[in-house]
């Protein structure tokens, strides 16, 4: 009887179909509500109903940030890293319609690291001798590659954003085992595309690393104790205000 018992979502109250249940630590939600969670979030089964409700509220607030997001720079290909350099924010998405996808918007200062990883896949090639498959001498292999960027972040619902740069594996023409992508093999079919994704990944890494450093330097400067100055107009020892003016007479005395 339990198998065919009607189930209802603990979030929206709608009836859940036979294969639509998404379990929580202390409840269940429908696939529609689960689809509203962050795509980088992977702890649903270990989350309580209240924690999921809190995240869904955060995701609704995120829609405002998406609406305010103004892309000034786009990096990547199949999956893009979009930067809003004026607001010092970024997002990662495959979507063309940002409002519909509602990708998480993060501040530059939330970045803690960025890495480029290359997954290599190798398949041996054989020649036919008397109807049998025989290894070449030296052995030959066909290589394919996938390129992944991992952005490590300080966020309450996830700590990394890992995505593949290429939409399909990059295949490189056959070559001897251990030849890799160096030297003469750069002229092999697919080698140019391989280098393209290396450059793309490094560009993302450098952009986010630099953005993170600049954001943190600005925060440190804002939190640094203000230095006292002697006002050249009234002679008072003062701590300049935000506009660099004397707190007593209002005259300009230099940087705040």
C-alpha atoms as a PDB file:
ATOM      1  CA  UNK A   1       0.000   0.000   0.000  1.00  0.00           C
ATOM      2  CA  UNK A   2       2.890   2.334   0.825  1.00  0.00           C
ATOM      3  CA  UNK A   3       4.194   2.090  -2.735  1.00  0.00           C
ATOM      4  CA  UNK A   4       0.985   3.558  -4.183  1.00  0.00           C
ATOM      5  CA  UNK A   5       0.268   5.966  -1.333  1.00  0.00           C
ATOM      6  CA  UNK A   6      -0.280   9.548  -2.491  1.00  0.00           C
ATOM      7  CA  UNK A   7       2.660  11.790  -1.722  1.00  0.00           C
ATOM      8  CA  UNK A   8       2.686  15.550  -1.499  1.00  0.00           C
ATOM      9  CA  UNK A   9       5.558  18.050  -1.654  1.00  0.00           C
ATOM     10  CA  UNK A  10       6.448  19.486   1.761  1.00  0.00           C
ATOM     11  CA  UNK A  11       7.275  22.814   0.065  1.00  0.00           C
ATOM     12  CA  UNK A  12       4.491  23.575  -2.407  1.00  0.00           C
ATOM     13  CA  UNK A  13       1.937  20.987  -1.298  1.00  0.00           C
ATOM     14  CA  UNK A  14       1.438  19.644  -4.815  1.00  0.00           C
ATOM     15  CA  UNK A  15       0.946  15.935  -5.441  1.00  0.00           C
ATOM     16  CA  UNK A  16       4.176  14.131  -6.346  1.00  0.00           C
ATOM     17  CA  UNK A  17       4.174  11.693  -9.249  1.00  0.00           C
ATOM     18  CA  UNK A  18       5.375   8.098  -8.906  1.00  0.00           C
ATOM     19  CA  UNK A  19       8.984   8.915  -9.814  1.00  0.00           C
ATOM     20  CA  UNK A  20       9.029  12.588  -8.834  1.00  0.00           C
ATOM     21  CA  UNK A  21       9.957  12.329  -5.154  1.00  0.00           C
ATOM     22  CA  UNK A  22      13.172  14.018  -3.990  1.00  0.00           C
ATOM     23  CA  UNK A  23      14.038  12.980  -0.434  1.00  0.00           C
ATOM     24  CA  UNK A  24      15.278  15.249   2.320  1.00  0.00           C
ATOM     25  CA  UNK A  25      16.622  14.368   5.740  1.00  0.00           C
ATOM     26  CA  UNK A  26      13.201  14.938   7.290  1.00  0.00           C
ATOM     27  CA  UNK A  27      10.797  15.238   4.392  1.00  0.00           C
ATOM     28  CA  UNK A  28      10.297  15.160   0.648  1.00  0.00           C
ATOM     29  CA  UNK A  29       9.903  17.649  -2.163  1.00  0.00           C
ATOM     30  CA  UNK A  30       8.815  17.436  -5.779  1.00  0.00           C
ATOM     31  CA  UNK A  31      11.181  17.589  -8.737  1.00  0.00           C
ATOM     32  CA  UNK A  32       9.877  21.065  -9.613  1.00  0.00           C
ATOM     33  CA  UNK A  33      10.912  22.511  -6.233  1.00  0.00           C
ATOM     34  CA  UNK A  34      14.203  20.590  -6.333  1.00  0.00           C
ATOM     35  CA  UNK A  35      14.899  22.158  -9.726  1.00  0.00           C
ATOM     36  CA  UNK A  36      14.816  25.607  -8.129  1.00  0.00           C
ATOM     37  CA  UNK A  37      17.822  24.815  -5.905  1.00  0.00           C
ATOM     38  CA  UNK A  38      21.290  25.964  -6.889  1.00  0.00           C
ATOM     39  CA  UNK A  39      22.810  23.725  -9.585  1.00  0.00           C
ATOM     40  CA  UNK A  40      26.047  23.712  -7.554  1.00  0.00           C
ATOM     41  CA  UNK A  41      24.310  22.404  -4.427  1.00  0.00           C
ATOM     42  CA  UNK A  42      24.863  18.700  -3.734  1.00  0.00           C
ATOM     43  CA  UNK A  43      23.702  18.179  -0.153  1.00  0.00           C
ATOM     44  CA  UNK A  44      19.948  17.876  -0.666  1.00  0.00           C
ATOM     45  CA  UNK A  45      19.534  14.420   0.885  1.00  0.00           C
ATOM     46  CA  UNK A  46      21.356  15.575   4.025  1.00  0.00           C
ATOM     47  CA  UNK A  47      19.391  18.817   4.288  1.00  0.00           C
ATOM     48  CA  UNK A  48      16.368  19.452   6.470  1.00  0.00           C
ATOM     49  CA  UNK A  49      13.113  20.906   5.227  1.00  0.00           C
ATOM     50  CA  UNK A  50      13.855  24.209   6.937  1.00  0.00           C
ATOM     51  CA  UNK A  51      17.294  24.391   5.288  1.00  0.00           C
ATOM     52  CA  UNK A  52      15.743  23.785   1.876  1.00  0.00           C
ATOM     53  CA  UNK A  53      13.107  26.474   2.514  1.00  0.00           C
ATOM     54  CA  UNK A  54      15.903  28.909   3.434  1.00  0.00           C
ATOM     55  CA  UNK A  55      17.783  28.111   0.243  1.00  0.00           C
ATOM     56  CA  UNK A  56      14.689  28.559  -1.900  1.00  0.00           C
ATOM     57  CA  UNK A  57      14.210  31.986  -0.313  1.00  0.00           C
ATOM     58  CA  UNK A  58      17.843  32.815  -1.138  1.00  0.00           C
ATOM     59  CA  UNK A  59      17.280  31.638  -4.714  1.00  0.00           C
ATOM     60  CA  UNK A  60      14.309  33.991  -5.056  1.00  0.00           C
ATOM     61  CA  UNK A  61      16.451  36.879  -3.748  1.00  0.00           C
ATOM     62  CA  UNK A  62      19.087  35.890  -6.309  1.00  0.00           C
ATOM     63  CA  UNK A  63      16.647  36.735  -9.102  1.00  0.00           C
ATOM     64  CA  UNK A  64      17.026  40.402  -8.217  1.00  0.00           C
ATOM     65  CA  UNK A  65      20.823  40.136  -8.560  1.00  0.00           C
ATOM     66  CA  UNK A  66      20.412  38.434 -11.942  1.00  0.00           C
ATOM     67  CA  UNK A  67      18.097  41.242 -13.098  1.00  0.00           C
ATOM     68  CA  UNK A  68      20.664  43.839 -11.989  1.00  0.00           C
ATOM     69  CA  UNK A  69      23.598  41.936 -13.536  1.00  0.00           C
ATOM     70  CA  UNK A  70      25.278  43.770 -16.411  1.00  0.00           C
ATOM     71  CA  UNK A  71      27.730  41.621 -18.354  1.00  0.00           C
ATOM     72  CA  UNK A  72      30.902  43.511 -19.229  1.00  0.00           C
ATOM     73  CA  UNK A  73      33.047  40.482 -20.056  1.00  0.00           C
ATOM     74  CA  UNK A  74      32.297  36.913 -21.158  1.00  0.00           C
ATOM     75  CA  UNK A  75      34.819  34.073 -20.814  1.00  0.00           C
ATOM     76  CA  UNK A  76      34.570  30.440 -21.878  1.00  0.00           C
ATOM     77  CA  UNK A  77      32.597  28.679 -24.579  1.00  0.00           C
ATOM     78  CA  UNK A  78      29.949  26.002 -23.949  1.00  0.00           C
ATOM     79  CA  UNK A  79      29.756  27.147 -20.314  1.00  0.00           C
ATOM     80  CA  UNK A  80      30.488  30.823 -19.784  1.00  0.00           C
ATOM     81  CA  UNK A  81      31.854  32.837 -16.887  1.00  0.00           C
ATOM     82  CA  UNK A  82      30.158  36.231 -17.062  1.00  0.00           C
ATOM     83  CA  UNK A  83      31.684  39.197 -15.254  1.00  0.00           C
ATOM     84  CA  UNK A  84      30.002  42.385 -14.092  1.00  0.00           C
ATOM     85  CA  UNK A  85      33.184  44.369 -13.548  1.00  0.00           C
ATOM     86  CA  UNK A  86      31.359  47.467 -12.321  1.00  0.00           C
ATOM     87  CA  UNK A  87      29.491  45.626  -9.554  1.00  0.00           C
ATOM     88  CA  UNK A  88      32.434  43.225  -8.957  1.00  0.00           C
ATOM     89  CA  UNK A  89      30.231  40.169  -9.414  1.00  0.00           C
ATOM     90  CA  UNK A  90      30.251  37.062 -11.597  1.00  0.00           C
ATOM     91  CA  UNK A  91      28.152  34.043 -12.512  1.00  0.00           C
ATOM     92  CA  UNK A  92      28.651  30.746 -14.354  1.00  0.00           C
ATOM     93  CA  UNK A  93      26.025  29.451 -16.767  1.00  0.00           C
ATOM     94  CA  UNK A  94      25.239  27.568 -19.969  1.00  0.00           C
ATOM     95  CA  UNK A  95      21.942  29.416 -20.351  1.00  0.00           C
ATOM     96  CA  UNK A  96      21.193  32.178 -22.820  1.00  0.00           C
ATOM     97  CA  UNK A  97      18.156  33.351 -20.846  1.00  0.00           C
ATOM     98  CA  UNK A  98      19.605  34.382 -17.479  1.00  0.00           C
ATOM     99  CA  UNK A  99      16.262  35.363 -15.982  1.00  0.00           C
ATOM    100  CA  UNK A 100      14.851  31.896 -16.577  1.00  0.00           C
ATOM    101  CA  UNK A 101      17.971  29.992 -15.468  1.00  0.00           C
ATOM    102  CA  UNK A 102      18.565  32.183 -12.383  1.00  0.00           C
ATOM    103  CA  UNK A 103      22.305  31.363 -12.062  1.00  0.00           C
ATOM    104  CA  UNK A 104      23.914  32.113  -8.698  1.00  0.00           C
ATOM    105  CA  UNK A 105      25.483  35.589  -8.604  1.00  0.00           C
ATOM    106  CA  UNK A 106      28.642  35.824  -6.481  1.00  0.00           C
ATOM    107  CA  UNK A 107      30.949  38.642  -5.416  1.00  0.00           C
ATOM    108  CA  UNK A 108      34.568  38.613  -6.551  1.00  0.00           C
ATOM    109  CA  UNK A 109      35.636  38.470  -2.897  1.00  0.00           C
ATOM    110  CA  UNK A 110      33.937  35.066  -2.503  1.00  0.00           C
ATOM    111  CA  UNK A 111      36.457  33.402  -4.825  1.00  0.00           C
ATOM    112  CA  UNK A 112      39.069  31.403  -2.906  1.00  0.00           C
ATOM    113  CA  UNK A 113      40.818  29.733  -5.846  1.00  0.00           C
ATOM    114  CA  UNK A 114      40.539  28.653  -9.473  1.00  0.00           C
ATOM    115  CA  UNK A 115      42.010  25.607 -11.239  1.00  0.00           C
ATOM    116  CA  UNK A 116      42.133  24.150 -14.742  1.00  0.00           C
ATOM    117  CA  UNK A 117      42.147  20.334 -15.008  1.00  0.00           C
ATOM    118  CA  UNK A 118      42.612  18.270 -18.168  1.00  0.00           C
ATOM    119  CA  UNK A 119      41.225  14.747 -18.326  1.00  0.00           C
ATOM    120  CA  UNK A 120      43.047  12.539 -20.844  1.00  0.00           C
ATOM    121  CA  UNK A 121      41.449   9.450 -22.373  1.00  0.00           C
ATOM    122  CA  UNK A 122      43.526   6.973 -24.372  1.00  0.00           C
ATOM    123  CA  UNK A 123      42.457   4.260 -26.792  1.00  0.00           C
ATOM    124  CA  UNK A 124      44.927   1.988 -28.573  1.00  0.00           C
ATOM    125  CA  UNK A 125      44.835   1.626 -32.342  1.00  0.00           C
ATOM    126  CA  UNK A 126      45.540  -1.676 -34.089  1.00  0.00           C
ATOM    127  CA  UNK A 127      46.432  -2.881 -37.561  1.00  0.00           C
ATOM    128  CA  UNK A 128      44.959  -5.941 -39.214  1.00  0.00           C
ATOM    129  CA  UNK A 129      47.307  -8.850 -39.926  1.00  0.00           C
ATOM    130  CA  UNK A 130      45.809 -12.057 -41.311  1.00  0.00           C
ATOM    131  CA  UNK A 131      42.411 -11.037 -39.945  1.00  0.00           C
ATOM    132  CA  UNK A 132      43.774 -10.331 -36.461  1.00  0.00           C
ATOM    133  CA  UNK A 133      44.160  -7.047 -34.592  1.00  0.00           C
ATOM    134  CA  UNK A 134      47.845  -6.464 -33.902  1.00  0.00           C
ATOM    135  CA  UNK A 135      49.503  -3.587 -32.039  1.00  0.00           C
ATOM    136  CA  UNK A 136      51.721  -1.206 -33.940  1.00  0.00           C
ATOM    137  CA  UNK A 137      55.404  -1.063 -33.056  1.00  0.00           C
ATOM    138  CA  UNK A 138      55.707   1.293 -31.312  1.00  0.00           C
ATOM    139  CA  UNK A 139      52.141   1.113 -30.054  1.00  0.00           C
ATOM    140  CA  UNK A 140      49.797   3.868 -31.254  1.00  0.00           C
ATOM    141  CA  UNK A 141      47.022   5.541 -29.340  1.00  0.00           C
ATOM    142  CA  UNK A 142      44.227   7.937 -30.101  1.00  0.00           C
ATOM    143  CA  UNK A 143      43.845  10.581 -27.408  1.00  0.00           C
ATOM    144  CA  UNK A 144      40.843  12.653 -26.397  1.00  0.00           C
ATOM    145  CA  UNK A 145      40.656  15.411 -23.819  1.00  0.00           C
ATOM    146  CA  UNK A 146      38.122  17.170 -21.609  1.00  0.00           C
ATOM    147  CA  UNK A 147      38.836  20.505 -19.931  1.00  0.00           C
ATOM    148  CA  UNK A 148      37.382  21.363 -16.530  1.00  0.00           C
ATOM    149  CA  UNK A 149      37.497  24.604 -14.561  1.00  0.00           C
ATOM    150  CA  UNK A 150      36.935  24.497 -10.811  1.00  0.00           C
ATOM    151  CA  UNK A 151      36.175  27.789  -9.088  1.00  0.00           C
ATOM    152  CA  UNK A 152      36.478  27.437  -5.324  1.00  0.00           C
ATOM    153  CA  UNK A 153      34.233  29.819  -3.423  1.00  0.00           C
ATOM    154  CA  UNK A 154      33.132  30.872   0.037  1.00  0.00           C
ATOM    155  CA  UNK A 155      29.363  30.354  -0.174  1.00  0.00           C
ATOM    156  CA  UNK A 156      26.795  29.084   2.307  1.00  0.00           C
ATOM    157  CA  UNK A 157      25.356  26.441  -0.053  1.00  0.00           C
ATOM    158  CA  UNK A 158      28.374  25.199  -2.024  1.00  0.00           C
ATOM    159  CA  UNK A 159      32.153  25.510  -1.988  1.00  0.00           C
ATOM    160  CA  UNK A 160      33.037  24.943  -5.634  1.00  0.00           C
ATOM    161  CA  UNK A 161      31.706  25.445  -9.148  1.00  0.00           C
ATOM    162  CA  UNK A 162      33.112  22.793 -11.474  1.00  0.00           C
ATOM    163  CA  UNK A 163      32.215  22.773 -15.155  1.00  0.00           C
ATOM    164  CA  UNK A 164      33.469  21.510 -18.493  1.00  0.00           C
ATOM    165  CA  UNK A 165      34.678  24.058 -21.025  1.00  0.00           C
ATOM    166  CA  UNK A 166      34.212  21.874 -24.109  1.00  0.00           C
ATOM    167  CA  UNK A 167      30.822  20.618 -25.277  1.00  0.00           C
ATOM    168  CA  UNK A 168      32.371  17.405 -26.652  1.00  0.00           C
ATOM    169  CA  UNK A 169      35.719  15.699 -26.138  1.00  0.00           C
ATOM    170  CA  UNK A 170      38.628  17.055 -28.173  1.00  0.00           C
ATOM    171  CA  UNK A 171      40.148  14.208 -30.203  1.00  0.00           C
ATOM    172  CA  UNK A 172      43.777  14.281 -31.293  1.00  0.00           C
ATOM    173  CA  UNK A 173      45.170  12.174 -34.157  1.00  0.00           C
ATOM    174  CA  UNK A 174      46.940   8.914 -33.327  1.00  0.00           C
ATOM    175  CA  UNK A 175      50.484   9.060 -32.015  1.00  0.00           C
ATOM    176  CA  UNK A 176      52.944   6.893 -30.081  1.00  0.00           C
ATOM    177  CA  UNK A 177      52.269   6.292 -26.408  1.00  0.00           C
ATOM    178  CA  UNK A 178      53.691   9.059 -24.205  1.00  0.00           C
ATOM    179  CA  UNK A 179      53.995  11.588 -27.034  1.00  0.00           C
ATOM    180  CA  UNK A 180      51.434  13.865 -25.404  1.00  0.00           C
ATOM    181  CA  UNK A 181      50.719  17.254 -26.971  1.00  0.00           C
ATOM    182  CA  UNK A 182      54.274  18.533 -27.165  1.00  0.00           C
ATOM    183  CA  UNK A 183      56.712  19.109 -30.007  1.00  0.00           C
ATOM    184  CA  UNK A 184      55.819  17.629 -33.387  1.00  0.00           C
ATOM    185  CA  UNK A 185      52.398  16.462 -32.181  1.00  0.00           C
ATOM    186  CA  UNK A 186      51.117  20.065 -32.075  1.00  0.00           C
ATOM    187  CA  UNK A 187      50.559  19.701 -35.828  1.00  0.00           C
ATOM    188  CA  UNK A 188      48.250  16.713 -35.363  1.00  0.00           C
ATOM    189  CA  UNK A 189      44.504  17.095 -36.053  1.00  0.00           C
ATOM    190  CA  UNK A 190      42.790  18.513 -32.963  1.00  0.00           C
ATOM    191  CA  UNK A 191      45.933  19.966 -31.412  1.00  0.00           C
ATOM    192  CA  UNK A 192      44.848  23.534 -32.222  1.00  0.00           C
ATOM    193  CA  UNK A 193      41.525  23.029 -30.480  1.00  0.00           C
ATOM    194  CA  UNK A 194      43.386  21.541 -27.503  1.00  0.00           C
ATOM    195  CA  UNK A 195      45.486  24.708 -27.191  1.00  0.00           C
ATOM    196  CA  UNK A 196      42.374  26.854 -27.582  1.00  0.00           C
ATOM    197  CA  UNK A 197      40.770  25.316 -24.486  1.00  0.00           C
ATOM    198  CA  UNK A 198      44.015  25.609 -22.522  1.00  0.00           C
ATOM    199  CA  UNK A 199      44.074  29.324 -23.309  1.00  0.00           C
ATOM    200  CA  UNK A 200      40.369  29.660 -22.470  1.00  0.00           C
ATOM    201  CA  UNK A 201      40.785  27.973 -19.075  1.00  0.00           C
ATOM    202  CA  UNK A 202      43.851  30.021 -18.180  1.00  0.00           C
ATOM    203  CA  UNK A 203      42.029  33.214 -19.141  1.00  0.00           C
ATOM    204  CA  UNK A 204      39.213  32.387 -16.718  1.00  0.00           C
ATOM    205  CA  UNK A 205      41.705  31.484 -14.000  1.00  0.00           C
ATOM    206  CA  UNK A 206      43.706  34.686 -14.415  1.00  0.00           C
ATOM    207  CA  UNK A 207      40.622  36.921 -14.581  1.00  0.00           C
ATOM    208  CA  UNK A 208      39.037  35.539 -11.399  1.00  0.00           C
ATOM    209  CA  UNK A 209      42.336  35.407  -9.508  1.00  0.00           C
ATOM    210  CA  UNK A 210      43.026  39.049 -10.339  1.00  0.00           C
ATOM    211  CA  UNK A 211      39.448  40.097  -9.547  1.00  0.00           C
ATOM    212  CA  UNK A 212      39.603  38.304  -6.204  1.00  0.00           C
ATOM    213  CA  UNK A 213      42.907  39.995  -5.300  1.00  0.00           C
ATOM    214  CA  UNK A 214      41.645  43.475  -6.193  1.00  0.00           C
ATOM    215  CA  UNK A 215      38.417  42.968  -4.233  1.00  0.00           C
ATOM    216  CA  UNK A 216      40.279  41.806  -1.146  1.00  0.00           C
ATOM    217  CA  UNK A 217      42.781  44.659  -1.329  1.00  0.00           C
ATOM    218  CA  UNK A 218      39.871  47.110  -1.460  1.00  0.00           C
ATOM    219  CA  UNK A 219      38.249  45.478   1.577  1.00  0.00           C
ATOM    220  CA  UNK A 220      41.544  45.643   3.484  1.00  0.00           C
ATOM    221  CA  UNK A 221      41.950  49.311   2.591  1.00  0.00           C
ATOM    222  CA  UNK A 222      38.424  50.089   3.792  1.00  0.00           C
ATOM    223  CA  UNK A 223      39.034  48.291   7.090  1.00  0.00           C
ATOM    224  CA  UNK A 224      42.451  49.853   7.687  1.00  0.00           C
ATOM    225  CA  UNK A 225      42.574  52.374  10.556  1.00  0.00           C
ATOM    226  CA  UNK A 226      42.435  55.983   9.400  1.00  0.00           C
ATOM    227  CA  UNK A 227      45.526  58.116   9.862  1.00  0.00           C
ATOM    228  CA  UNK A 228      45.283  61.454  11.644  1.00  0.00           C
ATOM    229  CA  UNK A 229      46.105  64.562   9.609  1.00  0.00           C
ATOM    230  CA  UNK A 230      46.795  68.191  10.557  1.00  0.00           C
ATOM    231  CA  UNK A 231      44.341  70.492   8.821  1.00  0.00           C
ATOM    232  CA  UNK A 232      46.280  73.290   7.011  1.00  0.00           C
ATOM    233  CA  UNK A 233      43.297  75.609   7.394  1.00  0.00           C
ATOM    234  CA  UNK A 234      42.259  75.363  11.054  1.00  0.00           C
ATOM    235  CA  UNK A 235      45.341  73.592  12.456  1.00  0.00           C
ATOM    236  CA  UNK A 236      43.316  70.854  14.136  1.00  0.00           C
ATOM    237  CA  UNK A 237      44.415  67.235  14.229  1.00  0.00           C
ATOM    238  CA  UNK A 238      41.656  65.462  12.369  1.00  0.00           C
ATOM    239  CA  UNK A 239      40.608  62.196  10.819  1.00  0.00           C
ATOM    240  CA  UNK A 240      39.401  63.125   7.296  1.00  0.00           C
ATOM    241  CA  UNK A 241      35.862  62.089   6.409  1.00  0.00           C
ATOM    242  CA  UNK A 242      34.890  59.981   3.370  1.00  0.00           C
ATOM    243  CA  UNK A 243      35.407  62.971   1.056  1.00  0.00           C
ATOM    244  CA  UNK A 244      38.821  63.832   2.561  1.00  0.00           C
ATOM    245  CA  UNK A 245      37.678  66.905   4.479  1.00  0.00           C
ATOM    246  CA  UNK A 246      38.494  68.130   7.983  1.00  0.00           C
ATOM    247  CA  UNK A 247      35.917  66.947  10.505  1.00  0.00           C
ATOM    248  CA  UNK A 248      36.050  70.361  12.241  1.00  0.00           C
ATOM    249  CA  UNK A 249      36.120  73.045   9.548  1.00  0.00           C
ATOM    250  CA  UNK A 250      35.194  71.018   6.474  1.00  0.00           C
ATOM    251  CA  UNK A 251      38.253  72.065   4.478  1.00  0.00           C
ATOM    252  CA  UNK A 252      40.003  69.554   2.156  1.00  0.00           C
ATOM    253  CA  UNK A 253      42.971  67.965   3.894  1.00  0.00           C
ATOM    254  CA  UNK A 254      43.743  64.995   1.654  1.00  0.00           C
ATOM    255  CA  UNK A 255      42.748  61.363   1.275  1.00  0.00           C
ATOM    256  CA  UNK A 256      40.252  59.857   3.727  1.00  0.00           C
END
